Amino acid sequence: MKLLFGDIHDHCGISYGYGSLENALKNALSHLDFVAVTGHAFWPDIPPVTPDTEFLVSFHKKGFEKLKGNYEGNKEIFEKYNKEGSFTTFIGYEMHSHHYGDHHIVSGDMSIPLLTDATSPREFYEETKSYKDTVIIPHHIAYAPEYRGIDWDEYDDSLFPVVEVISKHGCSMSDTHPFPYYHNMGGRDSRNTVYRGLEKGKVFGFVGSTDHHAGYPGSYGDGALAVYSEENDRKSIIDAIKKRRTYAINGDKIKASFSVDSNIMGSVVKKGAKKHLVEYSAELSYFLDKIVIYRDKIPLHIINGETLRNVDKEGRYKIRLEFGWGGKKDLLDWNFKAELEGGRFVTIEKCFRGRSVLAPQEGVEVPGDCNVIENRAEIVSETVVEGKVQTAKNANPTTPATSMVVLEVEGNLDTLLKVNVNGREVELKLRDCIENSRNYPVGITNSPAFKIHQLLPSSQYMVKGSFEDECEEASSYWMEIFQKNGSVAFISPVFFR
């Protein structure tokens, strides 16, 4: 099957949010395989208007009306950008709920109307189940009960096959995982985390998305999902999601596989075997922190990144180029070209980022064109890569706005890398990058810069293994991957029932 990467929960100006639908789809096309741009549609138990809630209630209701007025016209734009086999678009919209938590619908059926009468996720499902290639997904589940967190006792895994486990809101796996919740809706509550749902015996796969609100689907570092799909088309992708052949990522497009007794991620298997064969692989994009394989929250198998130290004299390597930093408020252009002597480019991974925007805030103005950004990169020949990215300044020292490309090359330690960025030329042999990264400021002080990261050999980014586990009563196995740059991957479980 094809491994595809996409974002199926993000927003723009079609409801409350910023930027045009066309620009959002153009941004997605630059670095994703599929996308759903979702609108905010309804909130059955919206709070009453008080001085504290007036702004929140107002922008929600205005957003709902805006989506209603443009909904049918948006379908034509989704169809315009849908390219079967190469780039797939889905329509979607969102239901808020204090009691049940928020859910969004993703559909490849462009005949689906805007249905806003449901008062619960089950009613939402019943209203929309007749439309083909459609799935409903809970998101930012770890908020407090009755405060837009999920209600696991009400969650029916026969209706909702996957759960969004990471986004701009943070990571919902557990209350001790990286990326806590810091939105003004509050912190994580362990009663509503992924781990608690698994403890309760629920069957669901893991997905991620950005929940970005300014028209930059898949913005690097916020969230995305990977699916193993028969084809890159609407029917195949929704079918893969319904069968839980999915995993969640937040940044780098980590390529992972996972199976138990030859049953791939998302499978539901009959109990009975006394011994299980667990097989896994991961192709990383940065240095490994750890891989942990769990059985029912028990860490069975851990691969620590510090054990991967070999550097092959020849073979494949990954080189990361990063652009940004600096004190400029406006977008800065980075035109770059990379060339090889004594090697060839194999793949390119695009780590593009838009300006970081979540929901509207009182007193804060966001330009509608804030993410009209040109980000592109391509391998033009075996020895040449060219591209352009545009970056804004980092919002603060801990909130990056940089963009990157990761170049996989085939060669040896004497392969020569030539990089030209905005006319500045750098030449390095791959062996010069084994232990060293290099940062190149473009001004005297507080300036933008570009960086060539430390060389990543295939012996440190290709991980594969298997082991046997004796446990007749296992309920689920899953895998979690953590890179040293903060990128993660949470692989959907294999369930035993």
Protein backbone atom coordinates (compact mmCIF):
# COMPACT_ATOMS: atom_id res chain seq x y z
CA MET A 1 0.00 0.00 0.00
CA LYS A 2 0.97 3.64 -0.42
CA LEU A 3 2.11 5.61 2.62
CA LEU A 4 0.45 9.02 2.37
CA PHE A 5 0.66 12.11 4.60
CA GLY A 6 -2.11 14.65 5.11
CA ASP A 7 -4.02 17.01 7.39
CA ILE A 8 -7.78 16.52 7.81
CA HIS A 9 -8.53 19.08 10.51
CA ASP A 10 -7.50 22.65 9.79
CA HIS A 11 -9.27 25.94 9.22
CA CYS A 12 -9.22 29.15 7.20
CA GLY A 13 -11.58 32.03 6.50
CA ILE A 14 -14.49 29.84 5.36
CA SER A 15 -15.79 30.11 8.94
CA TYR A 16 -13.96 31.83 11.78
CA GLY A 17 -10.32 31.81 10.80
CA TYR A 18 -8.12 33.58 8.28
CA GLY A 19 -7.23 33.31 4.62
CA SER A 20 -8.98 32.00 1.53
CA LEU A 21 -9.83 28.37 0.85
CA GLU A 22 -7.89 28.50 -2.43
CA ASN A 23 -4.72 29.64 -0.66
CA ALA A 24 -5.13 26.93 2.00
CA LEU A 25 -5.38 24.26 -0.71
CA LYS A 26 -2.35 25.70 -2.56
CA ASN A 27 -0.34 25.53 0.66
CA ALA A 28 -1.43 21.93 1.23
CA LEU A 29 -0.53 20.99 -2.35
CA SER A 30 3.06 22.15 -1.79
CA HIS A 31 3.88 19.45 0.79
CA LEU A 32 0.96 17.06 1.49
CA ASP A 33 -0.71 14.14 -0.29
CA PHE A 34 -4.27 14.90 0.89
CA VAL A 35 -6.19 17.51 2.90
CA ALA A 36 -9.54 18.42 4.38
CA VAL A 37 -10.13 22.09 5.14
CA THR A 38 -12.83 22.14 7.80
CA GLY A 39 -15.32 24.83 8.76
CA HIS A 40 -16.77 25.51 12.21
CA ALA A 41 -20.45 24.67 11.87
CA PHE A 42 -22.44 24.39 15.12
CA TRP A 43 -22.34 24.20 18.91
CA PRO A 44 -25.52 22.74 20.45
CA ASP A 45 -24.63 23.61 24.07
CA ILE A 46 -22.92 26.94 23.40
CA PRO A 47 -22.56 29.01 26.60
CA PRO A 48 -25.03 31.81 27.35
CA VAL A 49 -23.86 35.33 26.61
CA THR A 50 -22.23 37.02 29.60
CA PRO A 51 -19.55 39.71 29.78
CA ASP A 52 -16.97 36.90 29.95
CA THR A 53 -18.35 34.90 27.01
CA GLU A 54 -19.62 37.66 24.71
CA PHE A 55 -16.56 37.75 22.43
CA LEU A 56 -16.30 33.93 22.21
CA VAL A 57 -19.99 33.39 21.47
CA SER A 58 -20.02 36.22 18.94
CA PHE A 59 -17.12 35.04 16.78
CA HIS A 60 -18.40 31.46 16.85
CA LYS A 61 -21.88 32.41 15.68
CA LYS A 62 -20.50 34.71 12.98
CA GLY A 63 -18.26 31.86 11.80
CA PHE A 64 -21.17 29.42 11.68
CA GLU A 65 -23.20 31.81 9.52
CA LYS A 66 -20.25 32.51 7.23
CA LEU A 67 -19.75 28.78 6.58
CA LYS A 68 -23.47 28.34 5.93
CA GLY A 69 -23.43 31.10 3.32
CA ASN A 70 -20.39 29.79 1.44
CA TYR A 71 -20.72 26.03 1.93
CA GLU A 72 -22.07 25.02 -1.47
CA GLY A 73 -19.66 27.32 -3.33
CA ASN A 74 -16.72 25.85 -1.43
CA LYS A 75 -17.45 22.46 -2.98
CA GLU A 76 -16.45 23.74 -6.42
CA ILE A 77 -13.08 24.84 -5.05
CA PHE A 78 -12.45 21.46 -3.41
CA GLU A 79 -13.25 19.73 -6.70
CA LYS A 80 -10.94 22.10 -8.60
CA TYR A 81 -7.93 21.05 -6.53
CA ASN A 82 -8.70 17.34 -6.30
CA LYS A 83 -6.28 15.39 -8.52
CA GLU A 84 -7.07 11.70 -8.24
CA GLY A 85 -3.90 9.69 -7.81
CA SER A 86 -1.70 12.62 -6.73
CA PHE A 87 -3.56 15.03 -4.43
CA THR A 88 -6.88 14.40 -2.72
CA THR A 89 -9.25 16.94 -1.16
CA PHE A 90 -12.07 16.37 1.32
CA ILE A 91 -14.82 18.64 2.58
CA GLY A 92 -15.40 18.86 6.32
CA TYR A 93 -16.97 20.76 9.18
CA GLU A 94 -16.97 20.71 12.96
CA MET A 95 -19.35 20.25 15.88
CA HIS A 96 -18.44 21.70 19.29
CA SER A 97 -19.77 20.25 22.54
CA HIS A 98 -19.05 20.94 26.17
CA HIS A 99 -20.38 17.54 27.22
CA TYR A 100 -19.15 15.22 24.44
CA GLY A 101 -16.07 17.08 23.24
CA ASP A 102 -15.49 18.44 19.74
CA HIS A 103 -15.82 16.28 16.60
CA HIS A 104 -15.19 17.02 12.92
CA ILE A 105 -16.56 15.26 9.88
CA VAL A 106 -14.40 14.49 6.83
CA SER A 107 -16.11 13.48 3.59
CA GLY A 108 -15.16 12.66 0.05
CA ASP A 109 -18.83 12.83 -0.94
CA MET A 110 -19.33 16.35 -2.29
CA SER A 111 -23.10 15.90 -2.15
CA ILE A 112 -23.05 15.97 1.64
CA PRO A 113 -25.07 18.95 2.95
CA LEU A 114 -24.25 21.12 5.94
CA LEU A 115 -26.18 19.27 8.68
CA THR A 116 -26.27 21.15 11.99
CA ASP A 117 -29.23 19.78 13.97
CA ALA A 118 -27.40 17.10 15.96
CA THR A 119 -27.03 17.51 19.72
CA SER A 120 -24.60 14.59 20.23
CA PRO A 121 -21.89 12.80 18.24
CA ARG A 122 -24.19 9.81 17.83
CA GLU A 123 -26.88 12.01 16.28
CA PHE A 124 -24.18 13.62 14.11
CA TYR A 125 -23.22 10.14 12.89
CA GLU A 126 -26.82 9.10 12.25
CA GLU A 127 -27.48 12.26 10.20
CA THR A 128 -24.43 11.75 7.99
CA LYS A 129 -23.92 7.97 7.77
CA SER A 130 -25.69 7.63 4.41
CA TYR A 131 -23.02 9.71 2.65
CA LYS A 132 -20.20 7.64 1.22
CA ASP A 133 -16.50 8.06 2.08
CA THR A 134 -17.30 9.87 5.31
CA VAL A 135 -15.82 9.63 8.81
CA ILE A 136 -16.28 11.57 12.08
CA ILE A 137 -13.26 12.15 14.35
CA PRO A 138 -13.03 13.44 17.95
CA HIS A 139 -10.25 15.95 18.56
CA HIS A 140 -8.36 17.72 21.40
CA ILE A 141 -9.84 15.01 23.60
CA ALA A 142 -7.83 15.60 26.80
CA TYR A 143 -9.62 18.70 28.04
CA ALA A 144 -11.56 18.32 31.28
CA PRO A 145 -14.88 16.43 31.40
CA GLU A 146 -17.82 18.71 30.59
CA TYR A 147 -15.28 21.22 29.23
CA ARG A 148 -14.98 20.01 25.63
CA GLY A 149 -12.97 16.93 26.53
CA ILE A 150 -14.06 13.51 25.28
CA ASP A 151 -16.56 11.43 27.24
CA TRP A 152 -15.10 7.90 27.04
CA ASP A 153 -18.27 6.39 28.54
CA GLU A 154 -20.28 7.86 25.66
CA TYR A 155 -17.65 7.11 22.99
CA ASP A 156 -18.79 4.35 20.62
CA ASP A 157 -15.83 2.91 18.74
CA SER A 158 -18.12 1.26 16.21
CA LEU A 159 -19.06 4.75 14.99
CA PHE A 160 -15.79 6.65 15.36
CA PRO A 161 -12.78 4.54 14.28
CA VAL A 162 -9.94 7.00 15.01
CA VAL A 163 -9.12 9.77 17.48
CA GLU A 164 -6.97 12.85 16.90
CA VAL A 165 -4.15 12.51 19.43
CA ILE A 166 -1.91 15.50 18.60
CA SER A 167 -2.44 19.00 17.16
CA LYS A 168 -1.65 22.64 17.93
CA HIS A 169 -3.56 22.12 21.18
CA GLY A 170 -0.91 19.60 22.29
CA CYS A 171 -0.55 15.85 22.78
CA SER A 172 -3.45 13.82 24.20
CA MET A 173 -1.68 10.48 24.73
CA SER A 174 -1.23 10.94 28.49
CA ASP A 175 -0.73 13.76 30.96
CA THR A 176 3.02 13.02 31.11
CA HIS A 177 3.74 12.99 27.38
CA PRO A 178 5.58 15.88 25.72
CA PHE A 179 3.55 18.84 24.42
CA PRO A 180 1.15 19.79 27.24
CA TYR A 181 -2.03 21.77 26.53
CA TYR A 182 -1.53 25.54 26.88
CA HIS A 183 -4.58 26.88 25.04
CA ASN A 184 -6.86 29.06 27.14
CA MET A 185 -9.30 26.13 27.38
CA GLY A 186 -7.04 24.68 30.09
CA GLY A 187 -4.58 21.86 30.67
CA ARG A 188 -4.75 18.13 30.02
CA ASP A 189 -6.91 15.95 32.25
CA SER A 190 -5.72 12.34 32.59
CA ARG A 191 -9.32 11.08 32.70
CA ASN A 192 -9.73 12.00 29.03
CA THR A 193 -6.39 10.93 27.55
CA VAL A 194 -5.73 8.24 24.95
CA TYR A 195 -4.27 5.94 27.60
CA ARG A 196 -7.49 6.15 29.64
CA GLY A 197 -9.57 5.26 26.60
CA LEU A 198 -7.39 2.20 25.93
CA GLU A 199 -7.72 1.18 29.58
CA LYS A 200 -11.49 1.29 29.15
CA GLY A 201 -11.23 -1.19 26.29
CA LYS A 202 -12.04 1.21 23.47
CA VAL A 203 -10.82 0.32 19.96
CA PHE A 204 -9.51 3.31 17.97
CA GLY A 205 -6.64 4.35 15.76
CA PHE A 206 -4.37 7.37 16.16
CA VAL A 207 -4.37 10.38 13.84
CA GLY A 208 -2.96 13.89 14.06
CA SER A 209 -3.84 17.19 12.41
CA THR A 210 -2.87 20.82 12.86
CA ASP A 211 -6.13 22.50 13.93
CA HIS A 212 -4.44 25.49 12.30
CA HIS A 213 -6.75 28.50 11.85
CA ALA A 214 -4.99 30.56 9.17
CA GLY A 215 -4.98 28.45 6.04
CA TYR A 216 -1.72 26.49 6.30
CA PRO A 217 -2.65 22.79 6.41
CA GLY A 218 0.13 20.51 7.63
CA SER A 219 2.12 23.39 9.10
CA TYR A 220 5.31 21.75 10.36
CA GLY A 221 5.35 21.01 14.08
CA ASP A 222 1.59 21.17 14.63
CA GLY A 223 0.26 17.78 13.55
CA ALA A 224 -0.55 15.51 10.61
CA LEU A 225 -1.47 11.92 9.90
CA ALA A 226 -0.06 9.06 7.89
CA VAL A 227 -2.27 6.46 6.23
CA TYR A 228 -1.51 3.21 4.46
CA SER A 229 -3.89 3.49 1.52
CA GLU A 230 -4.50 1.43 -1.59
CA GLU A 231 -4.53 4.59 -3.71
CA ASN A 232 -4.39 8.35 -3.31
CA ASP A 233 -8.11 8.95 -3.76
CA ARG A 234 -11.10 9.72 -1.58
CA LYS A 235 -12.52 6.23 -1.24
CA SER A 236 -9.17 4.57 -0.48
CA ILE A 237 -8.05 7.12 2.11
CA ILE A 238 -11.34 7.09 4.03
CA ASP A 239 -11.32 3.28 3.89
CA ALA A 240 -7.79 3.27 5.37
CA ILE A 241 -8.89 5.62 8.16
CA LYS A 242 -11.93 3.48 8.96
CA LYS A 243 -9.65 0.42 9.17
CA ARG A 244 -7.26 2.36 11.44
CA ARG A 245 -4.25 1.94 9.13
CA THR A 246 -3.08 5.26 10.48
CA TYR A 247 -0.59 6.98 12.74
CA ALA A 248 -0.12 10.48 14.10
CA ILE A 249 2.88 12.73 13.58
CA ASN A 250 3.58 16.32 14.53
CA GLY A 251 6.59 17.33 12.41
CA ASP A 252 8.92 15.14 10.36
CA LYS A 253 7.25 12.62 8.09
CA ILE A 254 8.54 9.55 9.92
CA LYS A 255 7.89 6.38 7.92
CA ALA A 256 6.81 3.55 10.19
CA SER A 257 5.39 0.04 10.00
CA PHE A 258 4.10 -2.10 12.84
CA SER A 259 2.48 -5.53 13.07
CA VAL A 260 1.69 -8.25 15.58
CA ASP A 261 1.51 -11.83 14.28
CA SER A 262 1.49 -10.30 10.77
CA ASN A 263 -1.59 -8.18 11.63
CA ILE A 264 -0.87 -4.57 10.70
CA MET A 265 -1.65 -1.45 12.74
CA GLY A 266 -5.35 -1.00 13.41
CA SER A 267 -6.20 -4.68 13.16
CA VAL A 268 -8.60 -6.33 15.61
CA VAL A 269 -7.59 -9.95 16.24
CA LYS A 270 -9.24 -12.76 18.16
CA LYS A 271 -7.57 -13.60 21.47
CA GLY A 272 -6.10 -17.03 22.01
CA ALA A 273 -2.45 -17.10 20.99
CA LYS A 274 -0.06 -17.63 23.90
CA LYS A 275 2.87 -16.00 22.14
CA HIS A 276 2.97 -12.98 19.82
CA LEU A 277 5.53 -11.92 17.22
CA VAL A 278 5.93 -8.13 17.15
CA GLU A 279 7.63 -6.65 14.07
CA TYR A 280 8.44 -2.99 13.48
CA SER A 281 10.43 -0.59 11.33
CA ALA A 282 11.00 3.15 11.22
CA GLU A 283 12.70 5.47 8.79
CA LEU A 284 13.53 8.60 10.74
CA SER A 285 14.33 12.12 9.57
CA TYR A 286 16.43 13.16 12.58
CA PHE A 287 18.45 11.54 15.34
CA LEU A 288 16.49 9.04 17.42
CA ASP A 289 15.64 9.71 21.04
CA LYS A 290 13.76 6.45 21.62
CA ILE A 291 11.26 3.98 20.24
CA VAL A 292 8.94 2.37 22.79
CA ILE A 293 6.65 -0.58 22.04
CA TYR A 294 3.86 -1.06 24.56
CA ARG A 295 1.59 -3.88 25.54
CA ASP A 296 -1.34 -2.40 27.50
CA LYS A 297 0.75 0.54 28.75
CA ILE A 298 3.62 -1.74 29.74
CA PRO A 299 6.82 -0.78 27.86
CA LEU A 300 8.03 -4.10 26.42
CA HIS A 301 10.78 -3.03 24.06
CA ILE A 302 12.84 0.17 23.99
CA ILE A 303 15.40 1.24 21.39
CA ASN A 304 17.53 4.10 22.65
CA GLY A 305 19.02 6.52 20.14
CA GLU A 306 22.39 6.59 21.88
CA THR A 307 22.92 2.97 20.84
CA LEU A 308 22.85 3.95 17.13
CA ARG A 309 26.39 5.23 16.59
CA ASN A 310 27.67 3.63 13.38
CA VAL A 311 28.57 5.88 10.45
CA ASP A 312 28.87 4.02 7.16
CA LYS A 313 31.68 5.14 4.85
CA GLU A 314 29.28 4.93 1.93
CA GLY A 315 25.56 4.48 1.40
CA ARG A 316 22.69 6.80 2.18
CA TYR A 317 22.61 9.88 4.39
CA LYS A 318 20.17 12.67 5.21
CA ILE A 319 21.08 16.36 5.20
CA ARG A 320 18.73 18.95 6.69
CA LEU A 321 18.73 22.57 5.51
CA GLU A 322 16.89 25.04 7.76
CA PHE A 323 15.95 28.65 7.03
CA GLY A 324 14.65 31.50 9.19
CA TRP A 325 15.33 33.13 12.60
CA GLY A 326 16.18 36.80 12.67
CA GLY A 327 14.37 40.01 13.50
CA LYS A 328 12.41 40.70 10.31
CA LYS A 329 8.66 41.02 10.71
CA ASP A 330 7.89 40.57 7.03
CA LEU A 331 8.44 37.41 5.05
CA LEU A 332 12.04 36.78 4.06
CA ASP A 333 12.78 35.02 0.77
CA TRP A 334 15.22 32.10 0.74
CA ASN A 335 16.20 30.94 -2.75
CA PHE A 336 18.40 27.90 -2.51
CA LYS A 337 20.17 25.36 -4.67
CA ALA A 338 22.00 22.22 -3.53
CA GLU A 339 24.37 20.23 -5.76
CA LEU A 340 26.31 17.01 -5.31
CA GLU A 341 29.62 15.85 -6.73
CA GLY A 342 30.22 12.13 -6.30
CA GLY A 343 26.65 11.32 -5.25
CA ARG A 344 22.97 11.68 -6.10
CA PHE A 345 19.79 12.94 -4.47
CA VAL A 346 17.28 10.18 -3.71
CA THR A 347 14.35 11.83 -1.92
CA ILE A 348 13.33 15.21 -0.56
CA GLU A 349 11.15 15.80 2.51
CA LYS A 350 9.46 19.20 2.77
CA CYS A 351 9.10 20.58 6.29
CA PHE A 352 7.16 23.75 5.51
CA ARG A 353 5.60 25.99 8.10
CA GLY A 354 3.01 28.75 8.01
CA ARG A 355 2.47 31.55 10.50
CA SER A 356 1.16 30.00 13.69
CA VAL A 357 -2.47 30.96 14.39
CA LEU A 358 -5.11 29.14 16.41
CA ALA A 359 -8.48 30.76 17.21
CA PRO A 360 -9.38 34.49 17.18
CA GLN A 361 -8.35 36.43 20.29
CA GLU A 362 -9.95 39.58 21.58
CA GLY A 363 -7.93 42.63 20.63
CA VAL A 364 -5.62 40.72 18.27
CA GLU A 365 -5.86 41.45 14.54
CA VAL A 366 -4.64 38.81 12.08
CA PRO A 367 -4.29 39.76 8.39
CA GLY A 368 -6.29 37.52 6.12
CA ASP A 369 -3.27 37.04 3.85
CA CYS A 370 -0.89 36.13 6.68
CA ASN A 371 -0.17 32.74 5.10
CA VAL A 372 0.09 33.72 1.46
CA ILE A 373 3.52 32.09 1.44
CA GLU A 374 5.59 30.55 -1.34
CA ASN A 375 7.23 27.32 -0.21
CA ARG A 376 8.48 24.84 -2.79
CA ALA A 377 11.38 22.46 -3.38
CA GLU A 378 12.11 19.73 -5.91
CA ILE A 379 14.80 17.40 -7.18
CA VAL A 380 15.46 18.73 -10.68
CA SER A 381 18.12 16.12 -11.49
CA GLU A 382 20.05 13.41 -9.65
CA THR A 383 22.62 16.00 -8.60
CA VAL A 384 20.57 19.21 -8.23
CA VAL A 385 17.84 20.35 -5.83
CA GLU A 386 16.25 23.78 -6.12
CA GLY A 387 13.65 25.59 -4.08
CA LYS A 388 12.34 28.66 -2.36
CA VAL A 389 10.88 29.14 1.10
CA GLN A 390 9.58 32.22 2.88
CA THR A 391 9.91 32.62 6.63
CA ALA A 392 8.77 35.12 9.26
CA LYS A 393 10.71 35.78 12.43
CA ASN A 394 10.32 33.36 15.32
CA ALA A 395 7.47 34.53 17.57
CA ASN A 396 9.68 34.03 20.63
CA PRO A 397 12.78 31.97 21.51
CA THR A 398 10.71 28.79 22.01
CA THR A 399 8.20 29.12 19.14
CA PRO A 400 9.96 28.48 15.81
CA ALA A 401 8.84 29.78 12.44
CA THR A 402 11.67 28.22 10.42
CA SER A 403 11.14 25.96 7.40
CA MET A 404 13.33 23.08 6.26
CA VAL A 405 14.05 20.50 3.62
CA VAL A 406 15.57 17.09 4.35
CA LEU A 407 17.64 15.74 1.46
CA GLU A 408 18.38 12.02 1.29
CA VAL A 409 21.58 11.43 -0.67
CA GLU A 410 23.47 8.41 -1.91
CA GLY A 411 27.24 8.66 -1.93
CA ASN A 412 30.18 8.39 0.44
CA LEU A 413 31.93 10.53 3.03
CA ASP A 414 33.94 12.25 0.28
CA THR A 415 30.81 13.31 -1.63
CA LEU A 416 30.90 17.09 -2.05
CA LEU A 417 27.82 19.13 -1.14
CA LYS A 418 27.51 22.60 -2.64
CA VAL A 419 24.81 24.86 -1.21
CA ASN A 420 23.90 28.28 -2.60
CA VAL A 421 21.47 30.33 -0.50
CA ASN A 422 20.54 33.80 -1.79
CA GLY A 423 23.88 33.95 -3.59
CA ARG A 424 26.02 32.78 -0.68
CA GLU A 425 27.94 29.60 -1.51
CA VAL A 426 29.06 26.89 0.91
CA GLU A 427 31.00 23.73 0.03
CA LEU A 428 31.37 20.80 2.41
CA LYS A 429 32.29 17.16 2.14
CA LEU A 430 29.84 14.87 3.89
CA ARG A 431 32.59 13.80 6.32
CA ASP A 432 32.78 17.44 7.47
CA CYS A 433 29.19 17.14 8.74
CA ILE A 434 29.50 13.90 10.73
CA GLU A 435 29.99 15.64 14.08
CA ASN A 436 29.26 19.23 13.12
CA SER A 437 26.39 21.46 12.13
CA ARG A 438 26.95 24.92 10.69
CA ASN A 439 24.86 28.06 11.10
CA TYR A 440 25.26 30.93 8.63
CA PRO A 441 23.87 34.34 9.74
CA VAL A 442 23.21 36.69 6.85
CA GLY A 443 23.60 39.97 8.76
CA ILE A 444 25.74 41.59 11.44
CA THR A 445 23.52 40.85 14.45
CA ASN A 446 20.01 39.58 15.28
CA SER A 447 19.81 38.52 11.67
CA PRO A 448 18.12 35.73 9.74
CA ALA A 449 20.26 32.66 9.11
CA PHE A 450 20.36 29.32 7.37
CA LYS A 451 21.73 26.13 8.86
CA ILE A 452 23.22 22.87 7.57
CA HIS A 453 22.49 20.25 10.19
CA GLN A 454 24.68 17.38 11.30
CA LEU A 455 24.82 14.48 8.84
CA LEU A 456 22.35 11.65 9.57
CA PRO A 457 23.64 8.26 8.31
CA SER A 458 21.20 5.52 7.30
CA SER A 459 22.62 3.35 10.09
CA GLN A 460 21.04 5.89 12.46
CA TYR A 461 17.77 6.61 10.63
CA MET A 462 16.79 3.09 9.51
CA VAL A 463 15.55 1.02 12.47
CA LYS A 464 14.03 -2.43 12.16
CA GLY A 465 13.45 -5.34 14.50
CA SER A 466 11.20 -7.99 15.96
CA PHE A 467 10.68 -9.84 19.23
CA GLU A 468 8.35 -12.39 20.79
CA ASP A 469 6.07 -11.69 23.74
CA GLU A 470 4.40 -14.40 25.78
CA CYS A 471 1.05 -13.05 26.94
CA GLU A 472 -2.25 -14.75 26.24
CA GLU A 473 -4.33 -11.92 27.74
CA ALA A 474 -2.83 -8.98 25.82
CA SER A 475 -5.43 -6.39 24.77
CA SER A 476 -3.32 -4.11 22.58
CA TYR A 477 0.18 -3.39 21.31
CA TRP A 478 1.33 -0.06 19.90
CA MET A 479 4.50 1.88 19.09
CA GLU A 480 5.66 5.42 19.94
CA ILE A 481 8.64 7.12 18.26
CA PHE A 482 10.47 10.16 19.60
CA GLN A 483 13.19 12.04 17.72
CA LYS A 484 15.66 14.40 19.40
CA ASN A 485 14.24 17.42 17.54
CA GLY A 486 10.77 16.96 19.08
CA SER A 487 9.16 15.14 16.16
CA VAL A 488 7.04 12.18 17.24
CA ALA A 489 4.96 9.38 15.75
CA PHE A 490 2.21 7.48 17.56
CA ILE A 491 1.38 4.25 15.72
CA SER A 492 -2.17 2.87 15.92
CA PRO A 493 -2.50 -0.27 18.04
CA VAL A 494 -3.13 -3.86 17.09
CA PHE A 495 -6.05 -5.00 19.30
CA PHE A 496 -6.91 -8.43 20.71
CA ARG A 497 -10.54 -9.06 21.66
